[in-house]
């Protein structure tokens, strides 16, 4: 009888010991973590012409459709352009034979940068794409062009010869980079403390070019016909500036209306060059 009671007691103890183990095995698993919500990337608005792609939202491009057209003339007798020094470099074959400082054809002046001065409310930010200066036949192409303040400049060497690009603001050197024949492009920022960056090549000293920084994208450079057209301007009154590398600047006020093209004209003369010297 005692043995039987002892056996039953042992069975009872074993049952009690088994209870925690069962409870541990049957304990509910911790709730599964809720699946992370998919990361939702903000879709940037479609960039407007010339708009940048910075993180901050760029101001909306002006919904203007104003147009300014005109010409840049040269009055009087144009200065005689000097002959360029001969070059034994075959890569320079086909380059201009004369200096390209003042180019006049039929009374029209080439390589004049015409731009709207000052900021324009709501104008697009600086483009993410750079402006390009190529070196072709030992000549910078283009010789004169504009860039939006903050825009980058890329220098290409399309020649089968060594060039170097030396950037200067006034007398202050900015950079000096060598570019081997058909070498990789080099990118540099526009200076922030000056509007006009001059480019020189020490290997071929006649090579010169200019990149002019502007706070808005409303600028263009005249061709051989001296004509210029500015588009996309909001209605308003603006100061236009015509900039030439040796003849200086001329300004004009113009009032732009939607759907009614405005006109402007500039005129330079040889005396402008004399006054600048």
C-alpha atoms as a PDB file:
ATOM      1  CA  UNK A   1       0.000   0.000   0.000  1.00  0.00           C
ATOM      2  CA  UNK A   2       2.819   2.373   0.870  1.00  0.00           C
ATOM      3  CA  UNK A   3       4.568   1.429  -2.309  1.00  0.00           C
ATOM      4  CA  UNK A   4       1.413   2.174  -4.294  1.00  0.00           C
ATOM      5  CA  UNK A   5       0.993   5.563  -2.651  1.00  0.00           C
ATOM      6  CA  UNK A   6       4.646   6.351  -3.250  1.00  0.00           C
ATOM      7  CA  UNK A   7       4.247   5.468  -6.949  1.00  0.00           C
ATOM      8  CA  UNK A   8       1.189   7.667  -7.293  1.00  0.00           C
ATOM      9  CA  UNK A   9       3.045  10.531  -5.622  1.00  0.00           C
ATOM     10  CA  UNK A  10       5.919  10.208  -8.029  1.00  0.00           C
ATOM     11  CA  UNK A  11       3.541  10.236 -10.977  1.00  0.00           C
ATOM     12  CA  UNK A  12       1.932  13.397  -9.616  1.00  0.00           C
ATOM     13  CA  UNK A  13       5.282  15.115  -9.194  1.00  0.00           C
ATOM     14  CA  UNK A  14       6.327  14.171 -12.703  1.00  0.00           C
ATOM     15  CA  UNK A  15       3.062  15.597 -14.013  1.00  0.00           C
ATOM     16  CA  UNK A  16       3.646  18.863 -12.222  1.00  0.00           C
ATOM     17  CA  UNK A  17       7.186  19.073 -13.549  1.00  0.00           C
ATOM     18  CA  UNK A  18       5.925  18.484 -17.071  1.00  0.00           C
ATOM     19  CA  UNK A  19       3.454  21.367 -16.922  1.00  0.00           C
ATOM     20  CA  UNK A  20       5.996  24.220 -17.268  1.00  0.00           C
ATOM     21  CA  UNK A  21       7.676  22.402 -20.118  1.00  0.00           C
ATOM     22  CA  UNK A  22       4.389  22.032 -21.942  1.00  0.00           C
ATOM     23  CA  UNK A  23       3.497  25.596 -21.292  1.00  0.00           C
ATOM     24  CA  UNK A  24       6.918  26.690 -22.623  1.00  0.00           C
ATOM     25  CA  UNK A  25       6.481  24.643 -25.762  1.00  0.00           C
ATOM     26  CA  UNK A  26       2.940  25.894 -26.265  1.00  0.00           C
ATOM     27  CA  UNK A  27       3.746  29.551 -25.559  1.00  0.00           C
ATOM     28  CA  UNK A  28       2.525  31.616 -28.501  1.00  0.00           C
ATOM     29  CA  UNK A  29       5.223  32.932 -30.807  1.00  0.00           C
ATOM     30  CA  UNK A  30       5.761  36.678 -30.629  1.00  0.00           C
ATOM     31  CA  UNK A  31       3.636  38.508 -33.157  1.00  0.00           C
ATOM     32  CA  UNK A  32       5.318  38.822 -36.530  1.00  0.00           C
ATOM     33  CA  UNK A  33       6.564  42.302 -37.272  1.00  0.00           C
ATOM     34  CA  UNK A  34       4.298  44.142 -39.637  1.00  0.00           C
ATOM     35  CA  UNK A  35       5.853  44.326 -43.111  1.00  0.00           C
ATOM     36  CA  UNK A  36       7.651  47.610 -43.634  1.00  0.00           C
ATOM     37  CA  UNK A  37       5.723  50.022 -45.748  1.00  0.00           C
ATOM     38  CA  UNK A  38       7.367  50.358 -49.141  1.00  0.00           C
ATOM     39  CA  UNK A  39       9.618  53.377 -49.389  1.00  0.00           C
ATOM     40  CA  UNK A  40       7.843  55.898 -51.508  1.00  0.00           C
ATOM     41  CA  UNK A  41      10.203  58.077 -53.499  1.00  0.00           C
ATOM     42  CA  UNK A  42       8.942  61.464 -54.367  1.00  0.00           C
ATOM     43  CA  UNK A  43       8.563  61.816 -58.068  1.00  0.00           C
ATOM     44  CA  UNK A  44      10.081  65.119 -59.066  1.00  0.00           C
ATOM     45  CA  UNK A  45       8.064  67.297 -61.340  1.00  0.00           C
ATOM     46  CA  UNK A  46       9.051  67.199 -64.948  1.00  0.00           C
ATOM     47  CA  UNK A  47      11.972  69.609 -65.303  1.00  0.00           C
ATOM     48  CA  UNK A  48      11.385  72.726 -67.278  1.00  0.00           C
ATOM     49  CA  UNK A  49      13.840  73.780 -69.915  1.00  0.00           C
ATOM     50  CA  UNK A  50      17.057  74.680 -68.172  1.00  0.00           C
ATOM     51  CA  UNK A  51      15.785  73.592 -64.745  1.00  0.00           C
ATOM     52  CA  UNK A  52      18.161  71.943 -62.303  1.00  0.00           C
ATOM     53  CA  UNK A  53      17.647  68.729 -60.353  1.00  0.00           C
ATOM     54  CA  UNK A  54      18.636  69.799 -56.828  1.00  0.00           C
ATOM     55  CA  UNK A  55      17.006  68.348 -53.753  1.00  0.00           C
ATOM     56  CA  UNK A  56      15.172  71.540 -52.891  1.00  0.00           C
ATOM     57  CA  UNK A  57      12.176  72.289 -55.013  1.00  0.00           C
ATOM     58  CA  UNK A  58      13.210  74.738 -57.683  1.00  0.00           C
ATOM     59  CA  UNK A  59      10.986  77.760 -58.223  1.00  0.00           C
ATOM     60  CA  UNK A  60       8.459  77.245 -60.932  1.00  0.00           C
ATOM     61  CA  UNK A  61       9.559  78.353 -64.350  1.00  0.00           C
ATOM     62  CA  UNK A  62       7.856  81.500 -65.501  1.00  0.00           C
ATOM     63  CA  UNK A  63       4.886  80.886 -67.715  1.00  0.00           C
ATOM     64  CA  UNK A  64       6.006  83.668 -70.001  1.00  0.00           C
ATOM     65  CA  UNK A  65       5.835  83.681 -73.761  1.00  0.00           C
ATOM     66  CA  UNK A  66       7.440  87.036 -74.333  1.00  0.00           C
ATOM     67  CA  UNK A  67       9.972  87.413 -77.140  1.00  0.00           C
ATOM     68  CA  UNK A  68      12.679  89.988 -77.752  1.00  0.00           C
ATOM     69  CA  UNK A  69      14.310  90.179 -81.172  1.00  0.00           C
ATOM     70  CA  UNK A  70      16.952  92.461 -82.552  1.00  0.00           C
ATOM     71  CA  UNK A  71      20.357  92.933 -84.122  1.00  0.00           C
ATOM     72  CA  UNK A  72      23.776  94.139 -83.087  1.00  0.00           C
ATOM     73  CA  UNK A  73      25.430  96.427 -85.614  1.00  0.00           C
ATOM     74  CA  UNK A  74      28.871  97.910 -86.114  1.00  0.00           C
ATOM     75  CA  UNK A  75      29.114 101.438 -87.467  1.00  0.00           C
ATOM     76  CA  UNK A  76      32.166 102.822 -89.179  1.00  0.00           C
ATOM     77  CA  UNK A  77      35.202 100.945 -90.438  1.00  0.00           C
ATOM     78  CA  UNK A  78      35.910  97.706 -88.560  1.00  0.00           C
ATOM     79  CA  UNK A  79      39.425  97.257 -87.180  1.00  0.00           C
ATOM     80  CA  UNK A  80      41.746  95.144 -89.303  1.00  0.00           C
ATOM     81  CA  UNK A  81      42.293  91.721 -87.762  1.00  0.00           C
ATOM     82  CA  UNK A  82      45.941  90.666 -87.513  1.00  0.00           C
ATOM     83  CA  UNK A  83      47.259  87.513 -89.145  1.00  0.00           C
ATOM     84  CA  UNK A  84      47.772  84.617 -86.762  1.00  0.00           C
ATOM     85  CA  UNK A  85      51.287  83.275 -86.336  1.00  0.00           C
ATOM     86  CA  UNK A  86      51.983  80.203 -88.472  1.00  0.00           C
ATOM     87  CA  UNK A  87      51.615  76.811 -86.821  1.00  0.00           C
ATOM     88  CA  UNK A  88      53.529  73.667 -87.718  1.00  0.00           C
ATOM     89  CA  UNK A  89      50.995  71.535 -85.823  1.00  0.00           C
ATOM     90  CA  UNK A  90      48.986  69.522 -88.386  1.00  0.00           C
ATOM     91  CA  UNK A  91      46.084  69.354 -85.936  1.00  0.00           C
ATOM     92  CA  UNK A  92      45.666  73.104 -86.426  1.00  0.00           C
ATOM     93  CA  UNK A  93      45.040  72.836 -90.180  1.00  0.00           C
ATOM     94  CA  UNK A  94      41.807  74.634 -91.029  1.00  0.00           C
ATOM     95  CA  UNK A  95      41.965  77.113 -88.155  1.00  0.00           C
ATOM     96  CA  UNK A  96      41.138  80.784 -88.875  1.00  0.00           C
ATOM     97  CA  UNK A  97      44.021  82.643 -90.473  1.00  0.00           C
ATOM     98  CA  UNK A  98      43.276  85.925 -88.695  1.00  0.00           C
ATOM     99  CA  UNK A  99      42.495  87.080 -85.197  1.00  0.00           C
ATOM    100  CA  UNK A 100      38.812  86.654 -84.294  1.00  0.00           C
ATOM    101  CA  UNK A 101      38.347  89.494 -81.810  1.00  0.00           C
ATOM    102  CA  UNK A 102      36.047  91.759 -83.851  1.00  0.00           C
ATOM    103  CA  UNK A 103      34.096  89.976 -86.570  1.00  0.00           C
ATOM    104  CA  UNK A 104      31.929  92.231 -88.741  1.00  0.00           C
ATOM    105  CA  UNK A 105      30.002  91.205 -91.832  1.00  0.00           C
ATOM    106  CA  UNK A 106      27.721  93.576 -93.735  1.00  0.00           C
ATOM    107  CA  UNK A 107      27.695  95.931 -90.757  1.00  0.00           C
ATOM    108  CA  UNK A 108      26.616  93.228 -88.268  1.00  0.00           C
ATOM    109  CA  UNK A 109      28.712  92.223 -85.263  1.00  0.00           C
ATOM    110  CA  UNK A 110      29.316  88.596 -84.293  1.00  0.00           C
ATOM    111  CA  UNK A 111      30.079  87.060 -80.883  1.00  0.00           C
ATOM    112  CA  UNK A 112      28.084  89.552 -78.835  1.00  0.00           C
ATOM    113  CA  UNK A 113      26.389  88.083 -75.774  1.00  0.00           C
ATOM    114  CA  UNK A 114      22.925  89.647 -75.374  1.00  0.00           C
ATOM    115  CA  UNK A 115      21.306  88.983 -72.011  1.00  0.00           C
ATOM    116  CA  UNK A 116      18.677  90.106 -69.530  1.00  0.00           C
ATOM    117  CA  UNK A 117      20.497  91.690 -66.612  1.00  0.00           C
ATOM    118  CA  UNK A 118      19.682  90.780 -63.033  1.00  0.00           C
ATOM    119  CA  UNK A 119      17.420  88.118 -61.533  1.00  0.00           C
ATOM    120  CA  UNK A 120      14.042  87.292 -63.064  1.00  0.00           C
ATOM    121  CA  UNK A 121      11.312  86.209 -60.642  1.00  0.00           C
ATOM    122  CA  UNK A 122      10.477  82.534 -61.022  1.00  0.00           C
ATOM    123  CA  UNK A 123      13.242  81.831 -63.522  1.00  0.00           C
ATOM    124  CA  UNK A 124      14.446  78.202 -63.661  1.00  0.00           C
ATOM    125  CA  UNK A 125      17.432  77.120 -61.593  1.00  0.00           C
ATOM    126  CA  UNK A 126      20.796  76.465 -63.214  1.00  0.00           C
ATOM    127  CA  UNK A 127      20.613  73.460 -65.551  1.00  0.00           C
ATOM    128  CA  UNK A 128      22.191  70.214 -64.361  1.00  0.00           C
ATOM    129  CA  UNK A 129      23.735  69.796 -67.804  1.00  0.00           C
ATOM    130  CA  UNK A 130      26.959  71.753 -68.328  1.00  0.00           C
ATOM    131  CA  UNK A 131      27.847  74.167 -71.085  1.00  0.00           C
ATOM    132  CA  UNK A 132      30.504  72.782 -73.427  1.00  0.00           C
ATOM    133  CA  UNK A 133      33.657  74.383 -74.786  1.00  0.00           C
ATOM    134  CA  UNK A 134      35.311  72.279 -77.491  1.00  0.00           C
ATOM    135  CA  UNK A 135      38.839  72.569 -78.867  1.00  0.00           C
ATOM    136  CA  UNK A 136      38.680  71.930 -82.594  1.00  0.00           C
ATOM    137  CA  UNK A 137      41.368  72.821 -85.144  1.00  0.00           C
ATOM    138  CA  UNK A 138      43.201  74.663 -82.373  1.00  0.00           C
ATOM    139  CA  UNK A 139      40.221  76.949 -81.831  1.00  0.00           C
ATOM    140  CA  UNK A 140      37.825  77.230 -78.910  1.00  0.00           C
ATOM    141  CA  UNK A 141      34.257  76.549 -80.057  1.00  0.00           C
ATOM    142  CA  UNK A 142      32.241  78.581 -79.331  1.00  0.00           C
ATOM    143  CA  UNK A 143      34.329  81.662 -78.703  1.00  0.00           C
ATOM    144  CA  UNK A 144      31.631  83.383 -76.622  1.00  0.00           C
ATOM    145  CA  UNK A 145      28.729  81.815 -74.759  1.00  0.00           C
ATOM    146  CA  UNK A 146      26.638  82.276 -71.639  1.00  0.00           C
ATOM    147  CA  UNK A 147      26.021  80.071 -68.614  1.00  0.00           C
ATOM    148  CA  UNK A 148      23.513  80.270 -65.782  1.00  0.00           C
ATOM    149  CA  UNK A 149      25.166  81.138 -62.465  1.00  0.00           C
ATOM    150  CA  UNK A 150      26.075  77.866 -60.753  1.00  0.00           C
ATOM    151  CA  UNK A 151      26.264  75.893 -63.983  1.00  0.00           C
ATOM    152  CA  UNK A 152      29.264  73.698 -64.753  1.00  0.00           C
ATOM    153  CA  UNK A 153      31.532  74.005 -67.799  1.00  0.00           C
ATOM    154  CA  UNK A 154      32.970  71.004 -69.650  1.00  0.00           C
ATOM    155  CA  UNK A 155      36.103  71.298 -71.775  1.00  0.00           C
ATOM    156  CA  UNK A 156      36.583  68.840 -74.635  1.00  0.00           C
ATOM    157  CA  UNK A 157      39.626  68.229 -76.801  1.00  0.00           C
ATOM    158  CA  UNK A 158      38.579  67.050 -80.248  1.00  0.00           C
ATOM    159  CA  UNK A 159      42.079  67.645 -81.647  1.00  0.00           C
ATOM    160  CA  UNK A 160      44.862  65.134 -82.110  1.00  0.00           C
ATOM    161  CA  UNK A 161      47.256  67.373 -80.225  1.00  0.00           C
ATOM    162  CA  UNK A 162      47.967  68.548 -76.687  1.00  0.00           C
ATOM    163  CA  UNK A 163      46.060  71.539 -75.339  1.00  0.00           C
ATOM    164  CA  UNK A 164      45.861  73.152 -71.948  1.00  0.00           C
ATOM    165  CA  UNK A 165      42.885  75.134 -70.669  1.00  0.00           C
ATOM    166  CA  UNK A 166      43.755  78.049 -68.413  1.00  0.00           C
ATOM    167  CA  UNK A 167      40.819  79.812 -66.796  1.00  0.00           C
ATOM    168  CA  UNK A 168      41.280  83.423 -65.728  1.00  0.00           C
ATOM    169  CA  UNK A 169      39.060  86.078 -64.134  1.00  0.00           C
ATOM    170  CA  UNK A 170      40.687  89.449 -64.739  1.00  0.00           C
ATOM    171  CA  UNK A 171      44.258  88.698 -63.736  1.00  0.00           C
ATOM    172  CA  UNK A 172      43.300  86.024 -61.207  1.00  0.00           C
ATOM    173  CA  UNK A 173      44.080  82.423 -62.302  1.00  0.00           C
ATOM    174  CA  UNK A 174      41.321  79.904 -61.646  1.00  0.00           C
ATOM    175  CA  UNK A 175      42.739  76.646 -63.003  1.00  0.00           C
ATOM    176  CA  UNK A 176      45.155  75.274 -65.572  1.00  0.00           C
ATOM    177  CA  UNK A 177      44.552  71.762 -66.848  1.00  0.00           C
ATOM    178  CA  UNK A 178      46.332  69.845 -69.604  1.00  0.00           C
ATOM    179  CA  UNK A 179      44.270  67.852 -72.081  1.00  0.00           C
ATOM    180  CA  UNK A 180      46.063  65.202 -74.124  1.00  0.00           C
ATOM    181  CA  UNK A 181      45.043  64.480 -77.723  1.00  0.00           C
ATOM    182  CA  UNK A 182      41.403  63.344 -77.806  1.00  0.00           C
ATOM    183  CA  UNK A 183      41.626  63.260 -74.008  1.00  0.00           C
ATOM    184  CA  UNK A 184      38.802  62.858 -71.539  1.00  0.00           C
ATOM    185  CA  UNK A 185      36.635  65.943 -70.946  1.00  0.00           C
ATOM    186  CA  UNK A 186      37.378  68.092 -67.907  1.00  0.00           C
ATOM    187  CA  UNK A 187      34.623  69.767 -65.887  1.00  0.00           C
ATOM    188  CA  UNK A 188      34.993  72.967 -63.874  1.00  0.00           C
ATOM    189  CA  UNK A 189      32.491  75.233 -62.082  1.00  0.00           C
ATOM    190  CA  UNK A 190      31.838  78.790 -63.130  1.00  0.00           C
ATOM    191  CA  UNK A 191      33.449  81.279 -60.724  1.00  0.00           C
ATOM    192  CA  UNK A 192      31.115  82.716 -58.126  1.00  0.00           C
ATOM    193  CA  UNK A 193      32.873  86.054 -57.690  1.00  0.00           C
ATOM    194  CA  UNK A 194      32.887  87.255 -61.288  1.00  0.00           C
ATOM    195  CA  UNK A 195      30.706  87.100 -64.385  1.00  0.00           C
ATOM    196  CA  UNK A 196      33.329  86.707 -67.119  1.00  0.00           C
ATOM    197  CA  UNK A 197      35.732  83.763 -67.335  1.00  0.00           C
ATOM    198  CA  UNK A 198      38.420  83.963 -69.985  1.00  0.00           C
ATOM    199  CA  UNK A 199      40.025  80.827 -71.418  1.00  0.00           C
ATOM    200  CA  UNK A 200      43.510  80.588 -72.874  1.00  0.00           C
ATOM    201  CA  UNK A 201      45.751  77.858 -74.276  1.00  0.00           C
ATOM    202  CA  UNK A 202      49.481  78.293 -73.647  1.00  0.00           C
ATOM    203  CA  UNK A 203      50.381  75.664 -76.234  1.00  0.00           C
ATOM    204  CA  UNK A 204      48.522  77.617 -78.935  1.00  0.00           C
ATOM    205  CA  UNK A 205      48.528  81.220 -77.665  1.00  0.00           C
ATOM    206  CA  UNK A 206      46.001  82.543 -80.188  1.00  0.00           C
ATOM    207  CA  UNK A 207      43.263  80.397 -78.642  1.00  0.00           C
ATOM    208  CA  UNK A 208      40.841  82.520 -76.606  1.00  0.00           C
ATOM    209  CA  UNK A 209      37.257  82.078 -75.434  1.00  0.00           C
ATOM    210  CA  UNK A 210      34.837  83.558 -72.915  1.00  0.00           C
ATOM    211  CA  UNK A 211      32.043  82.130 -70.772  1.00  0.00           C
ATOM    212  CA  UNK A 212      29.765  84.755 -69.211  1.00  0.00           C
ATOM    213  CA  UNK A 213      27.731  83.892 -66.107  1.00  0.00           C
ATOM    214  CA  UNK A 214      24.185  85.248 -65.790  1.00  0.00           C
ATOM    215  CA  UNK A 215      21.624  84.932 -62.967  1.00  0.00           C
ATOM    216  CA  UNK A 216      18.881  83.926 -65.412  1.00  0.00           C
ATOM    217  CA  UNK A 217      18.724  81.789 -68.570  1.00  0.00           C
ATOM    218  CA  UNK A 218      17.686  84.586 -70.903  1.00  0.00           C
ATOM    219  CA  UNK A 219      20.773  85.134 -73.042  1.00  0.00           C
ATOM    220  CA  UNK A 220      22.138  84.301 -76.476  1.00  0.00           C
ATOM    221  CA  UNK A 221      25.167  85.014 -78.669  1.00  0.00           C
ATOM    222  CA  UNK A 222      24.966  86.697 -82.060  1.00  0.00           C
ATOM    223  CA  UNK A 223      26.072  84.881 -85.168  1.00  0.00           C
ATOM    224  CA  UNK A 224      27.499  86.316 -88.363  1.00  0.00           C
ATOM    225  CA  UNK A 225      24.209  88.108 -89.108  1.00  0.00           C
ATOM    226  CA  UNK A 226      24.285  89.960 -85.756  1.00  0.00           C
ATOM    227  CA  UNK A 227      20.758  88.770 -84.933  1.00  0.00           C
ATOM    228  CA  UNK A 228      19.525  87.661 -81.522  1.00  0.00           C
ATOM    229  CA  UNK A 229      16.265  86.276 -80.110  1.00  0.00           C
ATOM    230  CA  UNK A 230      15.326  85.844 -76.451  1.00  0.00           C
ATOM    231  CA  UNK A 231      12.265  83.694 -75.744  1.00  0.00           C
ATOM    232  CA  UNK A 232      10.139  82.620 -72.782  1.00  0.00           C
ATOM    233  CA  UNK A 233      10.282  85.912 -70.919  1.00  0.00           C
ATOM    234  CA  UNK A 234       7.444  86.822 -68.556  1.00  0.00           C
ATOM    235  CA  UNK A 235       5.767  90.127 -69.283  1.00  0.00           C
ATOM    236  CA  UNK A 236       7.633  93.025 -67.747  1.00  0.00           C
ATOM    237  CA  UNK A 237      10.292  95.666 -68.268  1.00  0.00           C
ATOM    238  CA  UNK A 238      13.911  94.535 -68.424  1.00  0.00           C
ATOM    239  CA  UNK A 239      17.403  95.877 -68.934  1.00  0.00           C
ATOM    240  CA  UNK A 240      19.140  94.186 -71.831  1.00  0.00           C
ATOM    241  CA  UNK A 241      22.917  94.193 -72.083  1.00  0.00           C
ATOM    242  CA  UNK A 242      25.040  93.514 -75.148  1.00  0.00           C
ATOM    243  CA  UNK A 243      28.557  92.384 -74.109  1.00  0.00           C
ATOM    244  CA  UNK A 244      31.583  92.225 -76.406  1.00  0.00           C
ATOM    245  CA  UNK A 245      35.032  91.043 -75.388  1.00  0.00           C
ATOM    246  CA  UNK A 246      36.868  94.202 -76.542  1.00  0.00           C
ATOM    247  CA  UNK A 247      34.148  96.732 -77.378  1.00  0.00           C
ATOM    248  CA  UNK A 248      32.574  96.754 -73.917  1.00  0.00           C
ATOM    249  CA  UNK A 249      28.838  96.841 -73.204  1.00  0.00           C
ATOM    250  CA  UNK A 250      25.687  98.593 -74.364  1.00  0.00           C
ATOM    251  CA  UNK A 251      22.351  98.575 -72.551  1.00  0.00           C
ATOM    252  CA  UNK A 252      18.727  99.133 -73.522  1.00  0.00           C
ATOM    253  CA  UNK A 253      15.399  99.046 -71.714  1.00  0.00           C
ATOM    254  CA  UNK A 254      12.720  96.854 -73.217  1.00  0.00           C
ATOM    255  CA  UNK A 255       9.110  96.171 -72.241  1.00  0.00           C
ATOM    256  CA  UNK A 256       7.921  92.644 -72.943  1.00  0.00           C
ATOM    257  CA  UNK A 257       4.259  91.766 -73.464  1.00  0.00           C
ATOM    258  CA  UNK A 258       2.752  88.330 -73.913  1.00  0.00           C
ATOM    259  CA  UNK A 259       2.099  87.562 -77.537  1.00  0.00           C
ATOM    260  CA  UNK A 260       3.644  90.800 -78.790  1.00  0.00           C
ATOM    261  CA  UNK A 261       7.352  90.458 -79.711  1.00  0.00           C
ATOM    262  CA  UNK A 262       9.488  93.363 -78.559  1.00  0.00           C
ATOM    263  CA  UNK A 263      12.436  94.705 -80.492  1.00  0.00           C
ATOM    264  CA  UNK A 264      15.815  96.030 -79.423  1.00  0.00           C
ATOM    265  CA  UNK A 265      18.938  97.113 -81.272  1.00  0.00           C
ATOM    266  CA  UNK A 266      22.530  97.765 -80.282  1.00  0.00           C
ATOM    267  CA  UNK A 267      25.324  99.486 -82.146  1.00  0.00           C
ATOM    268  CA  UNK A 268      29.081  99.397 -81.534  1.00  0.00           C
ATOM    269  CA  UNK A 269      31.859 101.330 -83.217  1.00  0.00           C
ATOM    270  CA  UNK A 270      35.630 101.319 -83.439  1.00  0.00           C
ATOM    271  CA  UNK A 271      35.716 104.199 -80.947  1.00  0.00           C
ATOM    272  CA  UNK A 272      34.288 101.850 -78.316  1.00  0.00           C
ATOM    273  CA  UNK A 273      37.438  99.757 -78.561  1.00  0.00           C
ATOM    274  CA  UNK A 274      39.602 102.873 -78.270  1.00  0.00           C
ATOM    275  CA  UNK A 275      37.710 104.031 -75.202  1.00  0.00           C
ATOM    276  CA  UNK A 276      38.143 100.609 -73.550  1.00  0.00           C
ATOM    277  CA  UNK A 277      41.917 100.479 -74.101  1.00  0.00           C
END
